[in-house]
């Protein structure tokens, strides 16, 4: 377990806390591994009946570090490094049998949003802002979100979030069905923990079966694989090179000279 993911078990709840606030909780390879391992192991831990994911600082997570993507584009890393084949978190989310609860403080970007679509209960604070800027970076959706987000909020809204980068605030997240409830910032963790403990207190077999009936792990894994192939291709593309350069140079990208399929 990396120092950037804290782990604590109490009252049937395994709490995983993202602990890299100085970097806006941007997820590293070690953090992906720690989160994925913990979610997988929860299934076999008799003391764990629910997993709660939360974060330190003023931001849930900035998602993947853009410098990692830029390194792949420059040929300095494997193209599937942050995808399902090389990312244990995404695989663990697809097959998770233990209920997952999230407490989202502040902004959630990219995988910070798509992971919520695998959570069974989501609580957001008043400053929460959800964005999935994959296309802005010349990339494509991941974590099976090309399947889960449209099924949750509809095609038009999902397309707007993916392609136009529309930001979704706390109230809209609840109205659209991405989150269950908006909680005051000072009460967010307590509200999410109370929900997680309530889940943990329910009959475990009935809870597990109910969750299983509501999900299609095979379909999710297949969609992640499909997304991952496109994601890897896009990471190496001229589009991505321009997007990452523009991000680093703090300018608007120019895709006018980049061909299209």
Protein backbone atom coordinates (compact mmCIF):
# COMPACT_ATOMS: atom_id res chain seq x y z
CA UNK A 1 0.00 0.00 0.00
CA UNK A 2 1.52 3.30 -1.10
CA UNK A 3 1.71 6.27 1.29
CA UNK A 4 -0.57 8.07 -1.17
CA UNK A 5 -3.47 5.71 -0.46
CA UNK A 6 -4.33 5.38 3.23
CA UNK A 7 -6.22 2.32 4.42
CA UNK A 8 -8.36 1.80 7.53
CA UNK A 9 -10.99 -0.77 8.49
CA UNK A 10 -13.68 -0.12 11.09
CA UNK A 11 -17.33 -1.14 11.57
CA UNK A 12 -17.29 -3.30 8.47
CA UNK A 13 -16.04 -0.48 6.24
CA UNK A 14 -12.68 -0.35 4.49
CA UNK A 15 -11.83 3.32 3.95
CA UNK A 16 -9.40 4.15 1.15
CA UNK A 17 -8.19 7.74 1.28
CA UNK A 18 -6.36 9.40 -1.61
CA UNK A 19 -3.49 11.17 0.09
CA UNK A 20 -1.56 13.22 -2.44
CA UNK A 21 -3.17 16.63 -1.89
CA UNK A 22 -0.08 18.58 -2.95
CA UNK A 23 -0.57 17.11 -6.45
CA UNK A 24 -4.37 17.40 -6.37
CA UNK A 25 -4.50 13.64 -5.77
CA UNK A 26 -3.40 12.92 -9.34
CA UNK A 27 -3.21 9.16 -9.58
CA UNK A 28 0.17 7.47 -9.97
CA UNK A 29 0.85 3.88 -11.05
CA UNK A 30 1.38 2.93 -7.41
CA UNK A 31 -1.93 4.50 -6.43
CA UNK A 32 -3.79 2.62 -9.16
CA UNK A 33 -2.18 -0.60 -7.92
CA UNK A 34 -3.01 0.09 -4.27
CA UNK A 35 -6.63 0.95 -5.02
CA UNK A 36 -7.12 -2.03 -7.31
CA UNK A 37 -5.54 -4.46 -4.85
CA UNK A 38 -7.63 -3.14 -1.96
CA UNK A 39 -10.90 -3.45 -3.87
CA UNK A 40 -10.00 -6.97 -4.99
CA UNK A 41 -8.93 -8.06 -1.50
CA UNK A 42 -12.07 -6.68 0.14
CA UNK A 43 -14.03 -9.59 -1.30
CA UNK A 44 -12.01 -12.05 0.80
CA UNK A 45 -11.81 -10.03 4.02
CA UNK A 46 -14.56 -11.11 6.42
CA UNK A 47 -14.22 -7.80 8.28
CA UNK A 48 -15.03 -5.75 5.17
CA UNK A 49 -18.59 -5.45 3.90
CA UNK A 50 -18.29 -2.08 2.16
CA UNK A 51 -15.51 0.09 0.71
CA UNK A 52 -15.49 3.87 1.12
CA UNK A 53 -13.31 6.00 -1.17
CA UNK A 54 -12.49 9.57 -0.12
CA UNK A 55 -9.69 12.10 -0.53
CA UNK A 56 -7.57 14.52 1.44
CA UNK A 57 -7.22 18.17 0.41
CA UNK A 58 -9.58 20.34 -1.61
CA UNK A 59 -9.88 18.08 -4.66
CA UNK A 60 -11.08 14.49 -5.01
CA UNK A 61 -8.63 13.77 -7.82
CA UNK A 62 -7.17 15.44 -10.89
CA UNK A 63 -7.21 12.03 -12.57
CA UNK A 64 -4.18 10.72 -14.40
CA UNK A 65 -1.04 12.84 -14.50
CA UNK A 66 -0.88 14.39 -17.98
CA UNK A 67 2.91 14.09 -17.95
CA UNK A 68 2.51 10.30 -17.97
CA UNK A 69 0.36 10.52 -21.10
CA UNK A 70 2.82 12.88 -22.75
CA UNK A 71 5.65 10.45 -22.01
CA UNK A 72 3.76 7.65 -23.76
CA UNK A 73 3.13 9.91 -26.76
CA UNK A 74 6.87 10.64 -26.89
CA UNK A 75 7.65 6.91 -26.90
CA UNK A 76 8.88 6.85 -23.32
CA UNK A 77 6.32 4.44 -21.87
CA UNK A 78 4.02 1.54 -22.85
CA UNK A 79 0.82 2.75 -24.49
CA UNK A 80 -1.46 0.64 -22.33
CA UNK A 81 0.16 1.79 -19.10
CA UNK A 82 -2.93 3.52 -17.77
CA UNK A 83 -5.52 1.30 -19.44
CA UNK A 84 -7.24 -1.84 -18.33
CA UNK A 85 -4.41 -4.19 -19.24
CA UNK A 86 -1.95 -2.20 -17.19
CA UNK A 87 -4.28 -0.60 -14.67
CA UNK A 88 -5.46 -2.82 -11.81
CA UNK A 89 -7.97 -0.22 -10.62
CA UNK A 90 -10.06 -0.40 -13.78
CA UNK A 91 -10.07 -4.19 -13.77
CA UNK A 92 -10.97 -4.26 -10.07
CA UNK A 93 -13.86 -1.86 -10.62
CA UNK A 94 -15.27 -4.08 -13.37
CA UNK A 95 -15.30 -7.20 -11.21
CA UNK A 96 -15.97 -5.60 -7.79
CA UNK A 97 -18.37 -7.59 -5.64
CA UNK A 98 -18.08 -5.51 -2.48
CA UNK A 99 -20.31 -2.40 -2.39
CA UNK A 100 -18.43 0.84 -3.11
CA UNK A 101 -19.26 4.26 -1.68
CA UNK A 102 -17.55 7.51 -2.69
CA UNK A 103 -17.25 10.87 -0.93
CA UNK A 104 -16.32 13.47 -3.55
CA UNK A 105 -14.81 16.71 -2.28
CA UNK A 106 -14.23 19.44 -4.83
CA UNK A 107 -13.24 18.64 -8.39
CA UNK A 108 -13.09 15.17 -9.90
CA UNK A 109 -11.44 14.84 -13.31
CA UNK A 110 -11.29 11.98 -15.81
CA UNK A 111 -10.99 8.65 -14.02
CA UNK A 112 -12.05 10.53 -10.89
CA UNK A 113 -15.49 10.70 -12.50
CA UNK A 114 -15.58 7.42 -14.38
CA UNK A 115 -14.78 5.46 -11.22
CA UNK A 116 -17.90 6.95 -9.63
CA UNK A 117 -20.00 5.15 -12.23
CA UNK A 118 -18.86 1.87 -10.63
CA UNK A 119 -19.73 3.03 -7.11
CA UNK A 120 -23.05 2.03 -5.60
CA UNK A 121 -23.52 5.23 -3.58
CA UNK A 122 -21.93 8.62 -4.31
CA UNK A 123 -21.98 11.70 -2.08
CA UNK A 124 -20.64 15.05 -3.26
CA UNK A 125 -19.93 18.28 -1.42
CA UNK A 126 -21.27 21.67 -2.46
CA UNK A 127 -18.09 22.52 -4.39
CA UNK A 128 -17.98 19.28 -6.37
CA UNK A 129 -17.36 19.69 -10.10
CA UNK A 130 -17.13 16.66 -12.38
CA UNK A 131 -15.34 16.75 -15.74
CA UNK A 132 -14.35 14.09 -18.27
CA UNK A 133 -12.01 15.99 -20.64
CA UNK A 134 -10.86 12.97 -22.63
CA UNK A 135 -11.61 14.37 -26.09
CA UNK A 136 -10.08 17.73 -25.13
CA UNK A 137 -6.83 15.78 -24.73
CA UNK A 138 -7.43 13.88 -28.00
CA UNK A 139 -8.22 10.74 -25.99
CA UNK A 140 -11.33 8.58 -25.56
CA UNK A 141 -13.42 7.47 -22.58
CA UNK A 142 -12.15 4.72 -20.29
CA UNK A 143 -13.25 2.55 -17.32
CA UNK A 144 -16.22 1.41 -19.47
CA UNK A 145 -17.62 4.94 -19.18
CA UNK A 146 -18.59 4.93 -22.87
CA UNK A 147 -21.15 2.36 -21.72
CA UNK A 148 -21.93 3.38 -18.14
CA UNK A 149 -22.25 7.15 -18.53
CA UNK A 150 -24.79 7.17 -21.41
CA UNK A 151 -26.80 4.45 -19.66
CA UNK A 152 -26.84 6.59 -16.51
CA UNK A 153 -27.54 10.07 -17.89
CA UNK A 154 -28.47 9.60 -21.55
CA UNK A 155 -26.54 9.92 -24.81
CA UNK A 156 -26.84 13.68 -25.29
CA UNK A 157 -25.63 14.58 -21.81
CA UNK A 158 -22.83 12.04 -21.93
CA UNK A 159 -21.69 13.25 -25.35
CA UNK A 160 -21.59 16.79 -24.04
CA UNK A 161 -19.45 15.75 -21.07
CA UNK A 162 -17.08 13.67 -23.20
CA UNK A 163 -16.78 15.78 -26.35
CA UNK A 164 -17.51 19.33 -25.20
CA UNK A 165 -16.00 18.83 -21.77
CA UNK A 166 -19.14 20.08 -20.01
CA UNK A 167 -18.56 20.42 -16.27
CA UNK A 168 -21.24 18.99 -14.00
CA UNK A 169 -21.71 20.66 -10.62
CA UNK A 170 -22.97 19.01 -7.45
CA UNK A 171 -26.66 19.77 -7.93
CA UNK A 172 -26.61 18.63 -11.55
CA UNK A 173 -24.73 15.46 -10.61
CA UNK A 174 -27.59 14.54 -8.28
CA UNK A 175 -30.30 15.58 -10.74
CA UNK A 176 -28.69 13.51 -13.50
CA UNK A 177 -28.24 10.45 -11.30
CA UNK A 178 -24.45 10.42 -11.02
CA UNK A 179 -24.60 11.14 -7.28
CA UNK A 180 -27.08 10.39 -4.52
CA UNK A 181 -26.85 13.51 -2.43
CA UNK A 182 -25.12 16.86 -1.91
CA UNK A 183 -23.67 17.25 1.58
CA UNK A 184 -22.18 20.33 3.21
CA UNK A 185 -18.40 20.17 3.01
CA UNK A 186 -18.03 19.75 6.78
CA UNK A 187 -20.50 16.85 6.77
CA UNK A 188 -19.46 15.02 3.59
CA UNK A 189 -17.28 12.35 5.15
CA UNK A 190 -19.68 11.68 8.00
CA UNK A 191 -22.62 11.36 5.58
CA UNK A 192 -20.74 8.98 3.29
CA UNK A 193 -19.44 6.93 6.23
CA UNK A 194 -22.91 6.62 7.71
CA UNK A 195 -24.15 5.28 4.37
CA UNK A 196 -21.23 2.85 4.11
CA UNK A 197 -21.85 1.58 7.64
CA UNK A 198 -25.54 1.20 6.86
CA UNK A 199 -24.64 -0.96 3.87
CA UNK A 200 -22.19 -2.96 5.99
CA UNK A 201 -24.94 -3.63 8.55
CA UNK A 202 -27.26 -5.21 5.96
CA UNK A 203 -27.27 -9.01 5.37
CA UNK A 204 -24.07 -9.50 3.34
CA UNK A 205 -25.24 -12.26 1.00
CA UNK A 206 -28.39 -10.37 0.05
CA UNK A 207 -26.35 -7.22 -0.56
CA UNK A 208 -23.77 -9.05 -2.67
CA UNK A 209 -26.39 -10.80 -4.78
CA UNK A 210 -28.32 -7.58 -5.30
CA UNK A 211 -25.18 -5.78 -6.50
CA UNK A 212 -24.28 -8.71 -8.78
CA UNK A 213 -27.75 -8.73 -10.34
CA UNK A 214 -27.42 -5.02 -11.13
CA UNK A 215 -24.09 -5.36 -12.96
CA UNK A 216 -22.56 -7.12 -15.95
CA UNK A 217 -18.86 -7.59 -15.11
CA UNK A 218 -18.13 -9.43 -18.35
CA UNK A 219 -19.69 -6.66 -20.42
CA UNK A 220 -17.82 -4.01 -18.44
CA UNK A 221 -14.50 -5.79 -18.90
CA UNK A 222 -15.11 -6.22 -22.63
CA UNK A 223 -15.92 -2.52 -22.99
CA UNK A 224 -12.78 -1.58 -21.04
CA UNK A 225 -10.69 -3.71 -23.39
CA UNK A 226 -12.29 -2.08 -26.43
CA UNK A 227 -11.79 1.40 -25.02
CA UNK A 228 -8.24 0.54 -24.02
CA UNK A 229 -7.23 -0.33 -27.58
CA UNK A 230 -8.54 2.99 -28.89
CA UNK A 231 -7.05 4.85 -25.93
CA UNK A 232 -3.62 3.36 -26.60
CA UNK A 233 -3.82 4.31 -30.28
CA UNK A 234 -4.87 7.85 -29.44
CA UNK A 235 -2.10 8.26 -26.87
CA UNK A 236 0.41 7.84 -29.70
CA UNK A 237 -1.46 10.01 -32.20
CA UNK A 238 -0.51 13.43 -33.67
CA UNK A 239 -3.73 14.76 -32.13
CA UNK A 240 -2.56 13.81 -28.67
CA UNK A 241 0.90 15.27 -29.30
CA UNK A 242 -0.69 18.64 -30.08
CA UNK A 243 -3.10 18.39 -27.14
CA UNK A 244 -0.36 17.61 -24.63
CA UNK A 245 1.92 20.34 -26.01
CA UNK A 246 -0.88 22.88 -25.77
CA UNK A 247 -1.63 21.81 -22.20
CA UNK A 248 2.01 22.19 -21.20
CA UNK A 249 2.28 25.55 -22.95
CA UNK A 250 -1.06 26.74 -21.54
CA UNK A 251 -2.49 27.57 -24.95
CA UNK A 252 -5.46 26.50 -27.01
CA UNK A 253 -4.69 23.42 -29.13
CA UNK A 254 -4.87 23.68 -32.92
CA UNK A 255 -6.18 20.53 -34.55
CA UNK A 256 -6.78 22.17 -37.94
CA UNK A 257 -3.76 20.52 -39.53
CA UNK A 258 -4.38 17.11 -38.01
CA UNK A 259 -6.14 14.62 -40.26
CA UNK A 260 -9.25 12.69 -39.26
CA UNK A 261 -10.55 9.22 -39.87
